[in-house]
Amino acid sequence: MAENEPNDIKEGAKEASSYVKYTGLAFQMIVIIGVFTFAGYKIDESTGHPTKWVTAVLSLAGVFIALFLVIRSVKK
């Protein structure tokens, strides 16, 4: 019975490490998308465009950049 305990501890640490890694990726995505969207909003606000094109374009760019970083991180 004592022989199985170190393996259980290693598996638990590996699961916790994966949880922290993917949670960090989620927050990273939220921040990237949020910063790009906020920047687009501020640009649209300062220029006075009736249609918020810059916000839409920058928020989509933020989504693509965040997805690129997640895919690159998961491949490692």
PDB file of N, CA and C in Angstrom:
ATOM      1  N   MET A   1       0.812  -1.188   0.000  1.00  0.00           N
ATOM      2  CA  MET A   1       0.000   0.000   0.000  1.00  0.00           C
ATOM      3  C   MET A   1       0.857   1.255   0.000  1.00  0.00           C
ATOM      4  N   ALA A   2       1.958   1.224   0.715  1.00  0.00           N
ATOM      5  CA  ALA A   2       2.820   2.397   0.800  1.00  0.00           C
ATOM      6  C   ALA A   2       3.490   2.683  -0.537  1.00  0.00           C
ATOM      7  N   GLU A   3       3.627   1.692  -1.383  1.00  0.00           N
ATOM      8  CA  GLU A   3       4.274   1.887  -2.670  1.00  0.00           C
ATOM      9  C   GLU A   3       3.420   2.730  -3.615  1.00  0.00           C
ATOM     10  N   ASN A   4       2.115   2.666  -3.488  1.00  0.00           N
ATOM     11  CA  ASN A   4       1.214   3.407  -4.379  1.00  0.00           C
ATOM     12  C   ASN A   4       1.073   4.879  -4.003  1.00  0.00           C
ATOM     13  N   GLU A   5       1.379   5.230  -2.767  1.00  0.00           N
ATOM     14  CA  GLU A   5       1.187   6.601  -2.316  1.00  0.00           C
ATOM     15  C   GLU A   5       2.024   7.617  -3.087  1.00  0.00           C
ATOM     16  N   PRO A   6       3.310   7.391  -3.363  1.00  0.00           N
ATOM     17  CA  PRO A   6       4.063   8.390  -4.137  1.00  0.00           C
ATOM     18  C   PRO A   6       3.501   8.599  -5.541  1.00  0.00           C
ATOM     19  N   ASN A   7       3.004   7.545  -6.180  1.00  0.00           N
ATOM     20  CA  ASN A   7       2.414   7.686  -7.509  1.00  0.00           C
ATOM     21  C   ASN A   7       1.144   8.529  -7.450  1.00  0.00           C
ATOM     22  N   ASP A   8       0.327   8.329  -6.392  1.00  0.00           N
ATOM     23  CA  ASP A   8      -0.890   9.117  -6.237  1.00  0.00           C
ATOM     24  C   ASP A   8      -0.563  10.592  -6.025  1.00  0.00           C
ATOM     25  N   ILE A   9       0.483  10.854  -5.270  1.00  0.00           N
ATOM     26  CA  ILE A   9       0.881  12.236  -5.019  1.00  0.00           C
ATOM     27  C   ILE A   9       1.365  12.884  -6.315  1.00  0.00           C
ATOM     28  N   LYS A  10       2.143  12.154  -7.105  1.00  0.00           N
ATOM     29  CA  LYS A  10       2.640  12.685  -8.374  1.00  0.00           C
ATOM     30  C   LYS A  10       1.495  12.967  -9.334  1.00  0.00           C
ATOM     31  N   GLU A  11       0.509  12.070  -9.392  1.00  0.00           N
ATOM     32  CA  GLU A  11      -0.637  12.274 -10.280  1.00  0.00           C
ATOM     33  C   GLU A  11      -1.462  13.475  -9.831  1.00  0.00           C
ATOM     34  N   GLY A  12      -1.622  13.628  -8.518  1.00  0.00           N
ATOM     35  CA  GLY A  12      -2.365  14.781  -8.001  1.00  0.00           C
ATOM     36  C   GLY A  12      -1.663  16.089  -8.305  1.00  0.00           C
ATOM     37  N   ALA A  13      -0.343  16.098  -8.195  1.00  0.00           N
ATOM     38  CA  ALA A  13       0.422  17.308  -8.507  1.00  0.00           C
ATOM     39  C   ALA A  13       0.353  17.623  -9.993  1.00  0.00           C
ATOM     40  N   LYS A  14       0.371  16.576 -10.823  1.00  0.00           N
ATOM     41  CA  LYS A  14       0.294  16.785 -12.279  1.00  0.00           C
ATOM     42  C   LYS A  14      -1.076  17.361 -12.661  1.00  0.00           C
ATOM     43  N   GLU A  15      -2.148  16.862 -12.037  1.00  0.00           N
ATOM     44  CA  GLU A  15      -3.485  17.374 -12.316  1.00  0.00           C
ATOM     45  C   GLU A  15      -3.617  18.822 -11.860  1.00  0.00           C
ATOM     46  N   ALA A  16      -3.062  19.143 -10.693  1.00  0.00           N
ATOM     47  CA  ALA A  16      -3.125  20.519 -10.189  1.00  0.00           C
ATOM     48  C   ALA A  16      -2.329  21.450 -11.089  1.00  0.00           C
ATOM     49  N   SER A  17      -1.194  20.980 -11.574  1.00  0.00           N
ATOM     50  CA  SER A  17      -0.378  21.789 -12.475  1.00  0.00           C
ATOM     51  C   SER A  17      -1.125  22.076 -13.779  1.00  0.00           C
ATOM     52  N   SER A  18      -1.790  21.074 -14.314  1.00  0.00           N
ATOM     53  CA  SER A  18      -2.570  21.271 -15.545  1.00  0.00           C
ATOM     54  C   SER A  18      -3.717  22.249 -15.306  1.00  0.00           C
ATOM     55  N   TYR A  19      -4.363  22.127 -14.161  1.00  0.00           N
ATOM     56  CA  TYR A  19      -5.473  23.022 -13.828  1.00  0.00           C
ATOM     57  C   TYR A  19      -4.996  24.469 -13.770  1.00  0.00           C
ATOM     58  N   VAL A  20      -3.876  24.697 -13.110  1.00  0.00           N
ATOM     59  CA  VAL A  20      -3.335  26.046 -12.989  1.00  0.00           C
ATOM     60  C   VAL A  20      -2.919  26.576 -14.356  1.00  0.00           C
ATOM     61  N   LYS A  21      -2.316  25.725 -15.170  1.00  0.00           N
ATOM     62  CA  LYS A  21      -1.862  26.139 -16.497  1.00  0.00           C
ATOM     63  C   LYS A  21      -3.037  26.598 -17.356  1.00  0.00           C
ATOM     64  N   TYR A  22      -4.093  25.805 -17.414  1.00  0.00           N
ATOM     65  CA  TYR A  22      -5.220  26.136 -18.279  1.00  0.00           C
ATOM     66  C   TYR A  22      -6.070  27.264 -17.712  1.00  0.00           C
ATOM     67  N   THR A  23      -6.111  27.401 -16.411  1.00  0.00           N
ATOM     68  CA  THR A  23      -6.799  28.539 -15.819  1.00  0.00           C
ATOM     69  C   THR A  23      -6.058  29.824 -16.159  1.00  0.00           C
ATOM     70  N   GLY A  24      -4.738  29.762 -16.107  1.00  0.00           N
ATOM     71  CA  GLY A  24      -3.924  30.916 -16.488  1.00  0.00           C
ATOM     72  C   GLY A  24      -4.124  31.291 -17.940  1.00  0.00           C
ATOM     73  N   LEU A  25      -4.250  30.289 -18.801  1.00  0.00           N
ATOM     74  CA  LEU A  25      -4.506  30.564 -20.219  1.00  0.00           C
ATOM     75  C   LEU A  25      -5.849  31.263 -20.410  1.00  0.00           C
ATOM     76  N   ALA A  26      -6.853  30.854 -19.647  1.00  0.00           N
ATOM     77  CA  ALA A  26      -8.173  31.484 -19.764  1.00  0.00           C
ATOM     78  C   ALA A  26      -8.101  32.958 -19.363  1.00  0.00           C
ATOM     79  N   PHE A  27      -7.421  33.255 -18.257  1.00  0.00           N
ATOM     80  CA  PHE A  27      -7.288  34.649 -17.839  1.00  0.00           C
ATOM     81  C   PHE A  27      -6.464  35.452 -18.839  1.00  0.00           C
ATOM     82  N   GLN A  28      -5.459  34.819 -19.423  1.00  0.00           N
ATOM     83  CA  GLN A  28      -4.650  35.486 -20.436  1.00  0.00           C
ATOM     84  C   GLN A  28      -5.516  35.851 -21.648  1.00  0.00           C
ATOM     85  N   MET A  29      -6.375  34.947 -22.063  1.00  0.00           N
ATOM     86  CA  MET A  29      -7.280  35.228 -23.182  1.00  0.00           C
ATOM     87  C   MET A  29      -8.215  36.382 -22.848  1.00  0.00           C
ATOM     88  N   ILE A  30      -8.758  36.379 -21.643  1.00  0.00           N
ATOM     89  CA  ILE A  30      -9.686  37.440 -21.232  1.00  0.00           C
ATOM     90  C   ILE A  30      -8.995  38.798 -21.263  1.00  0.00           C
ATOM     91  N   VAL A  31      -7.770  38.837 -20.765  1.00  0.00           N
ATOM     92  CA  VAL A  31      -7.040  40.112 -20.721  1.00  0.00           C
ATOM     93  C   VAL A  31      -6.717  40.600 -22.136  1.00  0.00           C
ATOM     94  N   ILE A  32      -6.233  39.711 -22.995  1.00  0.00           N
ATOM     95  CA  ILE A  32      -5.873  40.116 -24.356  1.00  0.00           C
ATOM     96  C   ILE A  32      -7.088  40.644 -25.104  1.00  0.00           C
ATOM     97  N   ILE A  33      -8.176  39.901 -25.065  1.00  0.00           N
ATOM     98  CA  ILE A  33      -9.391  40.330 -25.768  1.00  0.00           C
ATOM     99  C   ILE A  33      -9.924  41.627 -25.164  1.00  0.00           C
ATOM    100  N   GLY A  34      -9.895  41.730 -23.850  1.00  0.00           N
ATOM    101  CA  GLY A  34     -10.383  42.936 -23.184  1.00  0.00           C
ATOM    102  C   GLY A  34      -9.568  44.172 -23.529  1.00  0.00           C
ATOM    103  N   VAL A  35      -8.244  44.032 -23.563  1.00  0.00           N
ATOM    104  CA  VAL A  35      -7.384  45.178 -23.885  1.00  0.00           C
ATOM    105  C   VAL A  35      -7.612  45.640 -25.321  1.00  0.00           C
ATOM    106  N   PHE A  36      -7.694  44.699 -26.251  1.00  0.00           N
ATOM    107  CA  PHE A  36      -7.911  45.068 -27.648  1.00  0.00           C
ATOM    108  C   PHE A  36      -9.290  45.704 -27.841  1.00  0.00           C
ATOM    109  N   THR A  37     -10.300  45.168 -27.184  1.00  0.00           N
ATOM    110  CA  THR A  37     -11.643  45.733 -27.302  1.00  0.00           C
ATOM    111  C   THR A  37     -11.705  47.131 -26.686  1.00  0.00           C
ATOM    112  N   PHE A  38     -11.070  47.297 -25.526  1.00  0.00           N
ATOM    113  CA  PHE A  38     -11.051  48.607 -24.877  1.00  0.00           C
ATOM    114  C   PHE A  38     -10.331  49.635 -25.742  1.00  0.00           C
ATOM    115  N   ALA A  39      -9.216  49.228 -26.342  1.00  0.00           N
ATOM    116  CA  ALA A  39      -8.474  50.141 -27.216  1.00  0.00           C
ATOM    117  C   ALA A  39      -9.334  50.549 -28.413  1.00  0.00           C
ATOM    118  N   GLY A  40     -10.034  49.593 -29.010  1.00  0.00           N
ATOM    119  CA  GLY A  40     -10.915  49.905 -30.125  1.00  0.00           C
ATOM    120  C   GLY A  40     -12.051  50.816 -29.714  1.00  0.00           C
ATOM    121  N   TYR A  41     -12.595  50.584 -28.539  1.00  0.00           N
ATOM    122  CA  TYR A  41     -13.676  51.435 -28.040  1.00  0.00           C
ATOM    123  C   TYR A  41     -13.198  52.873 -27.853  1.00  0.00           C
ATOM    124  N   LYS A  42     -12.024  53.013 -27.260  1.00  0.00           N
ATOM    125  CA  LYS A  42     -11.485  54.361 -27.030  1.00  0.00           C
ATOM    126  C   LYS A  42     -11.178  55.075 -28.353  1.00  0.00           C
ATOM    127  N   ILE A  43     -10.665  54.344 -29.334  1.00  0.00           N
ATOM    128  CA  ILE A  43     -10.396  54.950 -30.643  1.00  0.00           C
ATOM    129  C   ILE A  43     -11.698  55.397 -31.289  1.00  0.00           C
ATOM    130  N   ASP A  44     -12.715  54.525 -31.262  1.00  0.00           N
ATOM    131  CA  ASP A  44     -14.010  54.895 -31.837  1.00  0.00           C
ATOM    132  C   ASP A  44     -14.637  56.078 -31.097  1.00  0.00           C
ATOM    133  N   GLU A  45     -14.468  56.099 -29.788  1.00  0.00           N
ATOM    134  CA  GLU A  45     -15.028  57.187 -28.989  1.00  0.00           C
ATOM    135  C   GLU A  45     -14.365  58.523 -29.337  1.00  0.00           C
ATOM    136  N   SER A  46     -13.057  58.492 -29.538  1.00  0.00           N
ATOM    137  CA  SER A  46     -12.353  59.749 -29.816  1.00  0.00           C
ATOM    138  C   SER A  46     -12.594  60.259 -31.240  1.00  0.00           C
ATOM    139  N   THR A  47     -12.826  59.345 -32.174  1.00  0.00           N
ATOM    140  CA  THR A  47     -13.065  59.767 -33.549  1.00  0.00           C
ATOM    141  C   THR A  47     -14.529  60.086 -33.814  1.00  0.00           C
ATOM    142  N   GLY A  48     -15.433  59.547 -33.034  1.00  0.00           N
ATOM    143  CA  GLY A  48     -16.850  59.840 -33.190  1.00  0.00           C
ATOM    144  C   GLY A  48     -17.512  59.108 -34.339  1.00  0.00           C
ATOM    145  N   HIS A  49     -17.013  57.944 -34.698  1.00  0.00           N
ATOM    146  CA  HIS A  49     -17.651  57.163 -35.763  1.00  0.00           C
ATOM    147  C   HIS A  49     -19.048  56.715 -35.336  1.00  0.00           C
ATOM    148  N   PRO A  50     -20.015  56.781 -36.237  1.00  0.00           N
ATOM    149  CA  PRO A  50     -21.358  56.294 -35.877  1.00  0.00           C
ATOM    150  C   PRO A  50     -21.395  54.768 -35.758  1.00  0.00           C
ATOM    151  N   THR A  51     -20.580  54.090 -36.554  1.00  0.00           N
ATOM    152  CA  THR A  51     -20.483  52.638 -36.473  1.00  0.00           C
ATOM    153  C   THR A  51     -19.153  52.284 -35.833  1.00  0.00           C
ATOM    154  N   LYS A  52     -19.173  51.375 -34.899  1.00  0.00           N
ATOM    155  CA  LYS A  52     -17.978  51.037 -34.114  1.00  0.00           C
ATOM    156  C   LYS A  52     -17.118  49.997 -34.839  1.00  0.00           C
ATOM    157  N   TRP A  53     -16.571  50.376 -35.993  1.00  0.00           N
ATOM    158  CA  TRP A  53     -15.769  49.442 -36.791  1.00  0.00           C
ATOM    159  C   TRP A  53     -14.432  49.121 -36.145  1.00  0.00           C
ATOM    160  N   VAL A  54     -13.796  50.100 -35.576  1.00  0.00           N
ATOM    161  CA  VAL A  54     -12.478  49.866 -34.975  1.00  0.00           C
ATOM    162  C   VAL A  54     -12.602  48.918 -33.780  1.00  0.00           C
ATOM    163  N   THR A  55     -13.659  49.084 -33.010  1.00  0.00           N
ATOM    164  CA  THR A  55     -13.895  48.181 -31.874  1.00  0.00           C
ATOM    165  C   THR A  55     -14.080  46.752 -32.369  1.00  0.00           C
ATOM    166  N   ALA A  56     -14.858  46.587 -33.413  1.00  0.00           N
ATOM    167  CA  ALA A  56     -15.104  45.249 -33.953  1.00  0.00           C
ATOM    168  C   ALA A  56     -13.825  44.621 -34.497  1.00  0.00           C
ATOM    169  N   VAL A  57     -13.054  45.389 -35.234  1.00  0.00           N
ATOM    170  CA  VAL A  57     -11.831  44.855 -35.845  1.00  0.00           C
ATOM    171  C   VAL A  57     -10.796  44.507 -34.771  1.00  0.00           C
ATOM    172  N   LEU A  58     -10.605  45.405 -33.811  1.00  0.00           N
ATOM    173  CA  LEU A  58      -9.610  45.132 -32.771  1.00  0.00           C
ATOM    174  C   LEU A  58     -10.048  44.006 -31.839  1.00  0.00           C
ATOM    175  N   SER A  59     -11.341  43.882 -31.572  1.00  0.00           N
ATOM    176  CA  SER A  59     -11.774  42.776 -30.725  1.00  0.00           C
ATOM    177  C   SER A  59     -11.581  41.441 -31.445  1.00  0.00           C
ATOM    178  N   LEU A  60     -11.837  41.400 -32.744  1.00  0.00           N
ATOM    179  CA  LEU A  60     -11.570  40.174 -33.505  1.00  0.00           C
ATOM    180  C   LEU A  60     -10.076  39.874 -33.575  1.00  0.00           C
ATOM    181  N   ALA A  61      -9.260  40.912 -33.713  1.00  0.00           N
ATOM    182  CA  ALA A  61      -7.814  40.710 -33.706  1.00  0.00           C
ATOM    183  C   ALA A  61      -7.366  40.153 -32.358  1.00  0.00           C
ATOM    184  N   GLY A  62      -7.953  40.646 -31.275  1.00  0.00           N
ATOM    185  CA  GLY A  62      -7.641  40.126 -29.942  1.00  0.00           C
ATOM    186  C   GLY A  62      -8.021  38.663 -29.792  1.00  0.00           C
ATOM    187  N   VAL A  63      -9.155  38.283 -30.349  1.00  0.00           N
ATOM    188  CA  VAL A  63      -9.585  36.883 -30.294  1.00  0.00           C
ATOM    189  C   VAL A  63      -8.602  36.003 -31.063  1.00  0.00           C
ATOM    190  N   PHE A  64      -8.210  36.426 -32.255  1.00  0.00           N
ATOM    191  CA  PHE A  64      -7.284  35.623 -33.045  1.00  0.00           C
ATOM    192  C   PHE A  64      -5.917  35.520 -32.384  1.00  0.00           C
ATOM    193  N   ILE A  65      -5.433  36.602 -31.812  1.00  0.00           N
ATOM    194  CA  ILE A  65      -4.149  36.562 -31.119  1.00  0.00           C
ATOM    195  C   ILE A  65      -4.227  35.651 -29.902  1.00  0.00           C
ATOM    196  N   ALA A  66      -5.311  35.746 -29.141  1.00  0.00           N
ATOM    197  CA  ALA A  66      -5.469  34.895 -27.967  1.00  0.00           C
ATOM    198  C   ALA A  66      -5.543  33.419 -28.358  1.00  0.00           C
ATOM    199  N   LEU A  67      -6.279  33.111 -29.412  1.00  0.00           N
ATOM    200  CA  LEU A  67      -6.360  31.723 -29.872  1.00  0.00           C
ATOM    201  C   LEU A  67      -5.009  31.215 -30.361  1.00  0.00           C
ATOM    202  N   PHE A  68      -4.261  32.065 -31.055  1.00  0.00           N
ATOM    203  CA  PHE A  68      -2.928  31.687 -31.513  1.00  0.00           C
ATOM    204  C   PHE A  68      -2.028  31.351 -30.318  1.00  0.00           C
ATOM    205  N   LEU A  69      -2.066  32.169 -29.289  1.00  0.00           N
ATOM    206  CA  LEU A  69      -1.236  31.915 -28.108  1.00  0.00           C
ATOM    207  C   LEU A  69      -1.665  30.643 -27.378  1.00  0.00           C
ATOM    208  N   VAL A  70      -2.952  30.385 -27.318  1.00  0.00           N
ATOM    209  CA  VAL A  70      -3.435  29.165 -26.655  1.00  0.00           C
ATOM    210  C   VAL A  70      -3.023  27.930 -27.438  1.00  0.00           C
ATOM    211  N   ILE A  71      -3.191  27.965 -28.751  1.00  0.00           N
ATOM    212  CA  ILE A  71      -2.807  26.804 -29.570  1.00  0.00           C
ATOM    213  C   ILE A  71      -1.313  26.570 -29.483  1.00  0.00           C
ATOM    214  N   ARG A  72      -0.526  27.629 -29.513  1.00  0.00           N
ATOM    215  CA  ARG A  72       0.922  27.481 -29.402  1.00  0.00           C
ATOM    216  C   ARG A  72       1.310  26.912 -28.032  1.00  0.00           C
ATOM    217  N   SER A  73       0.623  27.322 -26.987  1.00  0.00           N
ATOM    218  CA  SER A  73       0.922  26.844 -25.654  1.00  0.00           C
ATOM    219  C   SER A  73       0.506  25.392 -25.457  1.00  0.00           C
ATOM    220  N   VAL A  74      -0.605  24.989 -26.046  1.00  0.00           N
ATOM    221  CA  VAL A  74      -1.095  23.617 -25.890  1.00  0.00           C
ATOM    222  C   VAL A  74      -0.208  22.636 -26.671  1.00  0.00           C
ATOM    223  N   LYS A  75       0.352  23.087 -27.786  1.00  0.00           N
ATOM    224  CA  LYS A  75       1.233  22.213 -28.578  1.00  0.00           C
ATOM    225  C   LYS A  75       2.506  21.850 -27.829  1.00  0.00           C
ATOM    226  N   LYS A  76       2.955  22.733 -26.916  1.00  0.00           N
ATOM    227  CA  LYS A  76       4.191  22.459 -26.185  1.00  0.00           C
ATOM    228  C   LYS A  76       4.041  21.289 -25.307  1.00  0.00           C
TER     229      LYS A  76
END
